Amino acid sequence: MDVTLILFKKDGSQKAFLLPSSLTVIGRRHDCDLCVPLMAVSRRHCQLSLNSEAVKLRDLDSQAGTFLNGQRISDAIVRAGDYITIGPLTFLLQIDGKPQEIVPPQPAKPAEAAQKPPPPKAPPKKAPANQASDSFPEVEIDDSDSFLAELEDI
């Protein structure tokens, strides 16, 4: 069984890593079978083990976790076409050349956010009684506005 991890790079390109043996350790340490020199990846992050019937993915108590198709796992069977996320990297698992079509994962839309209505806005504050009625209305500041960050840089 030939097992390949296809890495999706930020620039849209891909890089293939053929697993070197039936037990492959992925992590930041130089003695790992697949070394990922990023601080978001644990020294010994996870391992893939192969036998004649299945590929098994096991998290090695990594701090950030190992994800299979967007779900954090500790131990799982992996199938061709599954996505494995280790730190900031996402791989597609290809077994014996399948799937043939290599497609990057689609960003997940949180189901909860899609179902929740937006929170109600706070009622406008009333002007103090001693303030003139022709004064400017109070302006609400949207924390998401980038101008606040720009002000800090000045």
N, C-alpha and C. Protein backbone atom coordinates (compact mmCIF):
# COMPACT_ATOMS: atom_id res chain seq x y z
N MET A 1 0.86 -1.17 0.00
CA MET A 1 0.00 0.00 0.00
C MET A 1 0.90 1.24 0.00
N ASP A 2 0.72 2.11 -1.01
CA ASP A 2 1.45 3.37 -1.09
C ASP A 2 0.59 4.47 -0.49
N VAL A 3 1.12 5.13 0.54
CA VAL A 3 0.38 6.21 1.21
C VAL A 3 1.17 7.49 1.06
N THR A 4 0.47 8.53 0.58
CA THR A 4 1.09 9.83 0.33
C THR A 4 0.29 10.90 1.04
N LEU A 5 1.00 11.83 1.66
CA LEU A 5 0.37 13.02 2.22
C LEU A 5 0.60 14.15 1.24
N ILE A 6 -0.47 14.81 0.81
CA ILE A 6 -0.39 15.95 -0.09
C ILE A 6 -0.58 17.20 0.74
N LEU A 7 0.46 18.03 0.82
CA LEU A 7 0.41 19.27 1.58
C LEU A 7 -0.13 20.39 0.69
N PHE A 8 -1.12 21.13 1.22
CA PHE A 8 -1.65 22.30 0.52
C PHE A 8 -0.93 23.53 1.04
N LYS A 9 -0.20 24.20 0.17
CA LYS A 9 0.53 25.40 0.56
C LYS A 9 -0.36 26.62 0.43
N LYS A 10 0.02 27.70 1.13
CA LYS A 10 -0.76 28.94 1.10
C LYS A 10 -0.86 29.54 -0.29
N ASP A 11 0.18 29.35 -1.11
CA ASP A 11 0.17 29.93 -2.45
C ASP A 11 -0.65 29.10 -3.45
N GLY A 12 -1.29 28.03 -2.95
CA GLY A 12 -2.13 27.20 -3.82
C GLY A 12 -1.41 26.00 -4.39
N SER A 13 -0.10 25.95 -4.25
CA SER A 13 0.64 24.80 -4.76
C SER A 13 0.53 23.63 -3.78
N GLN A 14 1.03 22.48 -4.22
CA GLN A 14 0.95 21.27 -3.41
C GLN A 14 2.31 20.59 -3.38
N LYS A 15 2.54 19.84 -2.32
CA LYS A 15 3.77 19.05 -2.23
C LYS A 15 3.40 17.68 -1.68
N ALA A 16 3.92 16.64 -2.32
CA ALA A 16 3.60 15.27 -1.94
C ALA A 16 4.72 14.67 -1.09
N PHE A 17 4.31 13.95 -0.04
CA PHE A 17 5.25 13.24 0.83
C PHE A 17 4.83 11.78 0.88
N LEU A 18 5.63 10.91 0.29
CA LEU A 18 5.36 9.48 0.35
C LEU A 18 5.81 8.99 1.72
N LEU A 19 4.91 8.30 2.44
CA LEU A 19 5.28 7.83 3.78
C LEU A 19 6.39 6.80 3.65
N PRO A 20 7.47 6.98 4.40
CA PRO A 20 8.66 6.15 4.22
C PRO A 20 8.55 4.73 4.76
N SER A 21 7.66 4.49 5.72
CA SER A 21 7.58 3.15 6.30
C SER A 21 6.18 2.92 6.87
N SER A 22 6.01 1.79 7.51
CA SER A 22 4.69 1.46 8.06
C SER A 22 4.37 2.27 9.32
N LEU A 23 5.36 2.94 9.89
CA LEU A 23 5.15 3.81 11.04
C LEU A 23 5.86 5.13 10.76
N THR A 24 5.09 6.20 10.66
CA THR A 24 5.65 7.52 10.35
C THR A 24 5.28 8.49 11.46
N VAL A 25 6.30 9.07 12.10
CA VAL A 25 6.08 10.07 13.15
C VAL A 25 6.26 11.45 12.53
N ILE A 26 5.28 12.32 12.80
CA ILE A 26 5.30 13.68 12.29
C ILE A 26 5.48 14.62 13.48
N GLY A 27 6.42 15.55 13.36
CA GLY A 27 6.64 16.49 14.45
C GLY A 27 7.74 17.46 14.12
N ARG A 28 8.08 18.26 15.12
CA ARG A 28 9.06 19.33 14.96
C ARG A 28 10.50 18.82 15.14
N ARG A 29 10.67 17.73 15.86
CA ARG A 29 12.03 17.22 16.11
C ARG A 29 12.69 16.75 14.83
N HIS A 30 13.99 16.90 14.77
CA HIS A 30 14.74 16.52 13.57
C HIS A 30 14.75 15.01 13.35
N ASP A 31 14.53 14.22 14.40
CA ASP A 31 14.54 12.78 14.22
C ASP A 31 13.17 12.20 13.84
N CYS A 32 12.16 13.06 13.62
CA CYS A 32 10.85 12.59 13.16
C CYS A 32 10.97 12.20 11.68
N ASP A 33 10.12 11.27 11.28
CA ASP A 33 10.14 10.83 9.88
C ASP A 33 9.73 11.96 8.94
N LEU A 34 8.78 12.76 9.36
CA LEU A 34 8.37 13.95 8.61
C LEU A 34 8.52 15.13 9.55
N CYS A 35 9.59 15.91 9.36
CA CYS A 35 9.92 17.02 10.25
C CYS A 35 9.22 18.29 9.76
N VAL A 36 8.43 18.90 10.65
CA VAL A 36 7.74 20.15 10.35
C VAL A 36 8.29 21.19 11.32
N PRO A 37 9.23 22.02 10.89
CA PRO A 37 9.91 22.95 11.80
C PRO A 37 9.10 24.21 12.11
N LEU A 38 7.91 24.03 12.66
CA LEU A 38 7.06 25.15 13.04
C LEU A 38 6.73 25.03 14.51
N MET A 39 6.73 26.16 15.22
CA MET A 39 6.46 26.14 16.66
C MET A 39 5.05 25.67 16.99
N ALA A 40 4.11 25.79 16.07
CA ALA A 40 2.73 25.35 16.31
C ALA A 40 2.61 23.83 16.27
N VAL A 41 3.67 23.16 15.85
CA VAL A 41 3.69 21.70 15.77
C VAL A 41 4.51 21.18 16.94
N SER A 42 3.97 20.19 17.65
CA SER A 42 4.69 19.62 18.80
C SER A 42 5.93 18.85 18.33
N ARG A 43 6.85 18.63 19.25
CA ARG A 43 8.08 17.92 18.90
C ARG A 43 7.79 16.55 18.29
N ARG A 44 6.90 15.82 18.91
CA ARG A 44 6.38 14.55 18.36
C ARG A 44 4.86 14.71 18.35
N HIS A 45 4.32 15.15 17.24
CA HIS A 45 2.93 15.59 17.16
C HIS A 45 1.95 14.43 16.98
N CYS A 46 2.18 13.62 15.95
CA CYS A 46 1.27 12.51 15.67
C CYS A 46 2.01 11.44 14.90
N GLN A 47 1.33 10.31 14.72
CA GLN A 47 1.93 9.24 13.93
C GLN A 47 0.89 8.58 13.05
N LEU A 48 1.35 8.14 11.90
CA LEU A 48 0.53 7.35 10.99
C LEU A 48 1.11 5.94 10.95
N SER A 49 0.26 4.94 11.16
CA SER A 49 0.71 3.56 11.08
C SER A 49 -0.11 2.84 10.03
N LEU A 50 0.57 2.01 9.25
CA LEU A 50 -0.07 1.30 8.15
C LEU A 50 0.02 -0.19 8.40
N ASN A 51 -1.04 -0.88 8.02
CA ASN A 51 -0.98 -2.33 7.91
C ASN A 51 -1.64 -2.68 6.59
N SER A 52 -1.84 -3.93 6.30
CA SER A 52 -2.38 -4.32 4.99
C SER A 52 -3.82 -3.89 4.79
N GLU A 53 -4.51 -3.51 5.87
CA GLU A 53 -5.93 -3.20 5.77
C GLU A 53 -6.29 -1.73 6.00
N ALA A 54 -5.49 -1.01 6.80
CA ALA A 54 -5.92 0.33 7.19
C ALA A 54 -4.73 1.23 7.49
N VAL A 55 -5.05 2.53 7.53
CA VAL A 55 -4.10 3.56 7.96
C VAL A 55 -4.69 4.16 9.23
N LYS A 56 -3.88 4.19 10.28
CA LYS A 56 -4.35 4.70 11.56
C LYS A 56 -3.57 5.97 11.90
N LEU A 57 -4.29 6.99 12.36
CA LEU A 57 -3.71 8.26 12.77
C LEU A 57 -3.86 8.37 14.29
N ARG A 58 -2.75 8.67 14.96
CA ARG A 58 -2.79 8.80 16.42
C ARG A 58 -2.09 10.08 16.84
N ASP A 59 -2.78 10.87 17.65
CA ASP A 59 -2.18 12.07 18.22
C ASP A 59 -1.24 11.64 19.34
N LEU A 60 -0.07 12.24 19.42
CA LEU A 60 0.92 11.89 20.44
C LEU A 60 0.91 12.92 21.57
N ASP A 61 -0.28 13.21 22.08
CA ASP A 61 -0.47 14.19 23.15
C ASP A 61 0.08 15.56 22.77
N SER A 62 -0.16 15.94 21.53
CA SER A 62 0.30 17.25 21.07
C SER A 62 -0.51 18.34 21.75
N GLN A 63 0.10 19.50 21.88
CA GLN A 63 -0.57 20.61 22.55
C GLN A 63 -1.71 21.17 21.70
N ALA A 64 -1.48 21.34 20.40
CA ALA A 64 -2.49 21.95 19.53
C ALA A 64 -3.50 20.93 19.00
N GLY A 65 -3.19 19.65 19.10
CA GLY A 65 -4.11 18.63 18.63
C GLY A 65 -3.87 18.26 17.18
N THR A 66 -4.43 17.11 16.82
CA THR A 66 -4.40 16.60 15.46
C THR A 66 -5.85 16.50 15.01
N PHE A 67 -6.12 16.95 13.79
CA PHE A 67 -7.49 17.02 13.30
C PHE A 67 -7.66 16.17 12.05
N LEU A 68 -8.76 15.43 12.02
CA LEU A 68 -9.13 14.62 10.87
C LEU A 68 -10.46 15.15 10.35
N ASN A 69 -10.43 15.68 9.13
CA ASN A 69 -11.64 16.27 8.52
C ASN A 69 -12.28 17.31 9.44
N GLY A 70 -11.45 18.11 10.11
CA GLY A 70 -11.94 19.20 10.95
C GLY A 70 -12.29 18.81 12.37
N GLN A 71 -12.20 17.53 12.72
CA GLN A 71 -12.54 17.08 14.07
C GLN A 71 -11.26 16.66 14.80
N ARG A 72 -11.11 17.14 16.02
CA ARG A 72 -9.93 16.76 16.81
C ARG A 72 -10.03 15.28 17.16
N ILE A 73 -8.92 14.58 17.01
CA ILE A 73 -8.92 13.13 17.28
C ILE A 73 -7.78 12.78 18.23
N SER A 74 -7.90 11.63 18.85
CA SER A 74 -6.77 11.07 19.58
C SER A 74 -6.28 9.82 18.86
N ASP A 75 -7.21 9.11 18.24
CA ASP A 75 -6.93 7.88 17.52
C ASP A 75 -8.02 7.69 16.48
N ALA A 76 -7.67 7.44 15.22
CA ALA A 76 -8.72 7.28 14.20
C ALA A 76 -8.18 6.50 13.01
N ILE A 77 -9.09 5.85 12.32
CA ILE A 77 -8.78 5.22 11.04
C ILE A 77 -8.93 6.29 9.96
N VAL A 78 -7.95 6.37 9.08
CA VAL A 78 -7.94 7.38 8.03
C VAL A 78 -8.17 6.70 6.69
N ARG A 79 -8.98 7.33 5.85
CA ARG A 79 -9.28 6.78 4.54
C ARG A 79 -8.77 7.71 3.44
N ALA A 80 -8.65 7.18 2.25
CA ALA A 80 -8.22 7.98 1.11
C ALA A 80 -9.17 9.16 0.94
N GLY A 81 -8.61 10.35 0.77
CA GLY A 81 -9.41 11.55 0.59
C GLY A 81 -9.66 12.32 1.87
N ASP A 82 -9.25 11.76 3.02
CA ASP A 82 -9.42 12.47 4.29
C ASP A 82 -8.38 13.57 4.40
N TYR A 83 -8.75 14.62 5.16
CA TYR A 83 -7.86 15.75 5.41
C TYR A 83 -7.32 15.66 6.82
N ILE A 84 -6.02 15.82 6.96
CA ILE A 84 -5.35 15.80 8.25
C ILE A 84 -4.75 17.18 8.47
N THR A 85 -5.06 17.78 9.63
CA THR A 85 -4.53 19.10 9.96
C THR A 85 -3.61 18.97 11.16
N ILE A 86 -2.40 19.46 10.98
CA ILE A 86 -1.37 19.43 12.01
C ILE A 86 -0.84 20.85 12.12
N GLY A 87 -1.16 21.52 13.23
CA GLY A 87 -0.79 22.92 13.35
C GLY A 87 -1.45 23.70 12.23
N PRO A 88 -0.69 24.55 11.53
CA PRO A 88 -1.28 25.35 10.44
C PRO A 88 -1.33 24.61 9.10
N LEU A 89 -0.86 23.37 9.06
CA LEU A 89 -0.76 22.64 7.80
C LEU A 89 -1.92 21.67 7.61
N THR A 90 -2.40 21.57 6.37
CA THR A 90 -3.44 20.61 6.03
C THR A 90 -2.92 19.72 4.92
N PHE A 91 -3.13 18.42 5.11
CA PHE A 91 -2.72 17.41 4.16
C PHE A 91 -3.95 16.63 3.69
N LEU A 92 -3.87 16.12 2.48
CA LEU A 92 -4.86 15.16 1.97
C LEU A 92 -4.17 13.81 1.97
N LEU A 93 -4.86 12.78 2.45
CA LEU A 93 -4.29 11.43 2.45
C LEU A 93 -4.66 10.74 1.15
N GLN A 94 -3.65 10.27 0.46
CA GLN A 94 -3.85 9.57 -0.81
C GLN A 94 -3.32 8.15 -0.63
N ILE A 95 -4.15 7.17 -0.94
CA ILE A 95 -3.76 5.76 -0.81
C ILE A 95 -3.81 5.13 -2.19
N ASP A 96 -2.68 4.56 -2.60
CA ASP A 96 -2.55 3.92 -3.91
C ASP A 96 -3.10 4.82 -5.03
N GLY A 97 -2.76 6.10 -4.97
CA GLY A 97 -3.14 7.04 -6.02
C GLY A 97 -4.57 7.53 -5.96
N LYS A 98 -5.30 7.18 -4.90
CA LYS A 98 -6.70 7.61 -4.79
C LYS A 98 -6.85 8.50 -3.56
N PRO A 99 -7.58 9.58 -3.65
CA PRO A 99 -8.31 10.05 -4.82
C PRO A 99 -7.34 10.60 -5.86
N GLN A 100 -7.75 10.50 -7.11
CA GLN A 100 -6.91 11.01 -8.19
C GLN A 100 -6.97 12.53 -8.24
N GLU A 101 -8.15 13.09 -8.01
CA GLU A 101 -8.32 14.54 -8.03
C GLU A 101 -7.98 15.10 -6.66
N ILE A 102 -6.99 15.97 -6.61
CA ILE A 102 -6.53 16.57 -5.36
C ILE A 102 -7.21 17.93 -5.20
N VAL A 103 -8.11 18.02 -4.23
CA VAL A 103 -8.88 19.24 -4.01
C VAL A 103 -8.61 19.76 -2.60
N PRO A 104 -8.23 21.04 -2.46
CA PRO A 104 -8.03 21.59 -1.11
C PRO A 104 -9.33 21.57 -0.32
N PRO A 105 -9.23 21.48 1.00
CA PRO A 105 -10.45 21.48 1.82
C PRO A 105 -11.16 22.82 1.73
N GLN A 106 -12.45 22.79 1.82
CA GLN A 106 -13.25 24.01 1.82
C GLN A 106 -13.32 24.52 3.25
N PRO A 107 -13.21 25.84 3.45
CA PRO A 107 -13.30 26.37 4.81
C PRO A 107 -14.66 26.03 5.41
N ALA A 108 -14.63 25.54 6.63
CA ALA A 108 -15.87 25.16 7.32
C ALA A 108 -16.61 26.39 7.78
N LYS A 109 -17.91 26.36 7.61
CA LYS A 109 -18.76 27.43 8.12
C LYS A 109 -19.37 26.93 9.41
N PRO A 110 -19.14 27.63 10.50
CA PRO A 110 -19.71 27.16 11.77
C PRO A 110 -21.23 27.05 11.67
N ALA A 111 -21.77 25.87 11.94
CA ALA A 111 -23.21 25.64 11.86
C ALA A 111 -23.95 26.51 12.87
N GLU A 112 -23.35 26.68 14.04
CA GLU A 112 -24.01 27.46 15.09
C GLU A 112 -24.16 28.92 14.66
N ALA A 113 -23.14 29.47 14.02
CA ALA A 113 -23.20 30.87 13.60
C ALA A 113 -24.23 31.05 12.49
N ALA A 114 -24.37 30.05 11.63
CA ALA A 114 -25.33 30.16 10.54
C ALA A 114 -26.76 30.12 11.05
N GLN A 115 -26.99 29.46 12.18
CA GLN A 115 -28.34 29.30 12.70
C GLN A 115 -28.73 30.41 13.67
N LYS A 116 -27.75 31.04 14.30
CA LYS A 116 -28.03 32.06 15.30
C LYS A 116 -28.36 33.39 14.64
N PRO A 117 -29.41 34.07 15.08
CA PRO A 117 -29.65 35.41 14.57
C PRO A 117 -28.61 36.36 15.18
N PRO A 118 -28.34 37.48 14.52
CA PRO A 118 -27.34 38.41 15.09
C PRO A 118 -27.84 38.95 16.43
N PRO A 119 -26.92 39.24 17.34
CA PRO A 119 -27.34 39.76 18.65
C PRO A 119 -28.01 41.11 18.50
N PRO A 120 -28.98 41.41 19.35
CA PRO A 120 -29.67 42.71 19.25
C PRO A 120 -28.71 43.84 19.60
N LYS A 121 -28.89 44.96 18.93
CA LYS A 121 -28.05 46.14 19.21
C LYS A 121 -28.55 46.80 20.48
N ALA A 122 -27.62 47.37 21.21
CA ALA A 122 -27.98 48.07 22.44
C ALA A 122 -28.77 49.32 22.07
N PRO A 123 -29.76 49.69 22.89
CA PRO A 123 -30.53 50.90 22.60
C PRO A 123 -29.61 52.11 22.69
N PRO A 124 -29.88 53.14 21.88
CA PRO A 124 -29.02 54.33 21.93
C PRO A 124 -29.11 54.99 23.29
N LYS A 125 -27.96 55.53 23.69
CA LYS A 125 -27.91 56.21 24.99
C LYS A 125 -28.60 57.56 24.89
N LYS A 126 -29.29 57.92 25.93
CA LYS A 126 -29.96 59.22 25.95
C LYS A 126 -28.98 60.27 26.46
N ALA A 127 -29.14 61.46 25.92
CA ALA A 127 -28.29 62.57 26.32
C ALA A 127 -28.67 63.00 27.72
N PRO A 128 -27.70 63.45 28.52
CA PRO A 128 -28.02 63.96 29.85
C PRO A 128 -29.00 65.12 29.75
N ALA A 129 -29.78 65.32 30.80
CA ALA A 129 -30.82 66.34 30.80
C ALA A 129 -30.27 67.74 30.62
N ASN A 130 -29.00 67.99 31.06
CA ASN A 130 -28.46 69.34 30.97
C ASN A 130 -27.80 69.61 29.62
N GLN A 131 -27.78 68.64 28.71
CA GLN A 131 -27.15 68.81 27.40
C GLN A 131 -28.16 69.45 26.44
N ALA A 132 -27.67 70.31 25.58
CA ALA A 132 -28.54 71.00 24.62
C ALA A 132 -29.11 69.99 23.63
N SER A 133 -30.34 70.20 23.21
CA SER A 133 -31.01 69.25 22.33
C SER A 133 -30.47 69.29 20.91
N ASP A 134 -29.75 70.34 20.51
CA ASP A 134 -29.22 70.41 19.15
C ASP A 134 -27.79 69.89 19.07
N SER A 135 -27.32 69.16 20.09
CA SER A 135 -25.96 68.62 20.05
C SER A 135 -25.90 67.43 19.09
N PHE A 136 -24.69 67.04 18.77
CA PHE A 136 -24.51 65.91 17.86
C PHE A 136 -24.95 64.62 18.53
N PRO A 137 -25.52 63.70 17.75
CA PRO A 137 -25.90 62.41 18.34
C PRO A 137 -24.65 61.63 18.70
N GLU A 138 -24.79 60.72 19.65
CA GLU A 138 -23.67 59.89 20.08
C GLU A 138 -23.35 58.90 18.97
N VAL A 139 -22.08 58.73 18.68
CA VAL A 139 -21.64 57.84 17.61
C VAL A 139 -21.17 56.53 18.25
N GLU A 140 -21.69 55.42 17.72
CA GLU A 140 -21.23 54.12 18.19
C GLU A 140 -19.96 53.76 17.43
N ILE A 141 -18.95 53.29 18.15
CA ILE A 141 -17.69 52.90 17.51
C ILE A 141 -17.73 51.41 17.30
N ASP A 142 -17.51 51.00 16.07
CA ASP A 142 -17.46 49.59 15.71
C ASP A 142 -16.03 49.12 15.94
N ASP A 143 -15.85 48.17 16.87
CA ASP A 143 -14.51 47.69 17.21
C ASP A 143 -13.81 47.03 16.03
N SER A 144 -14.56 46.62 15.01
CA SER A 144 -13.93 45.95 13.88
C SER A 144 -13.32 46.94 12.90
N ASP A 145 -13.58 48.24 13.07
CA ASP A 145 -13.03 49.23 12.15
C ASP A 145 -11.51 49.25 12.26
N SER A 146 -10.84 49.24 11.12
CA SER A 146 -9.39 49.18 11.12
C SER A 146 -8.76 50.50 11.55
N PHE A 147 -9.51 51.60 11.53
CA PHE A 147 -8.90 52.88 11.89
C PHE A 147 -8.44 52.87 13.34
N LEU A 148 -9.06 52.07 14.21
CA LEU A 148 -8.61 52.01 15.61
C LEU A 148 -7.20 51.45 15.70
N ALA A 149 -6.92 50.43 14.90
CA ALA A 149 -5.57 49.87 14.89
C ALA A 149 -4.57 50.86 14.31
N GLU A 150 -5.01 51.63 13.31
CA GLU A 150 -4.12 52.62 12.71
C GLU A 150 -3.79 53.72 13.70
N LEU A 151 -4.75 54.07 14.55
CA LEU A 151 -4.49 55.10 15.56
C LEU A 151 -3.41 54.68 16.53
N GLU A 152 -3.38 53.40 16.86
CA GLU A 152 -2.36 52.91 17.79
C GLU A 152 -0.97 52.99 17.19
N ASP A 153 -0.87 52.93 15.86
CA ASP A 153 0.42 52.96 15.20
C ASP A 153 1.00 54.37 15.08
N ILE A 154 0.18 55.37 15.33
CA ILE A 154 0.62 56.77 15.16
C ILE A 154 1.42 57.23 16.37
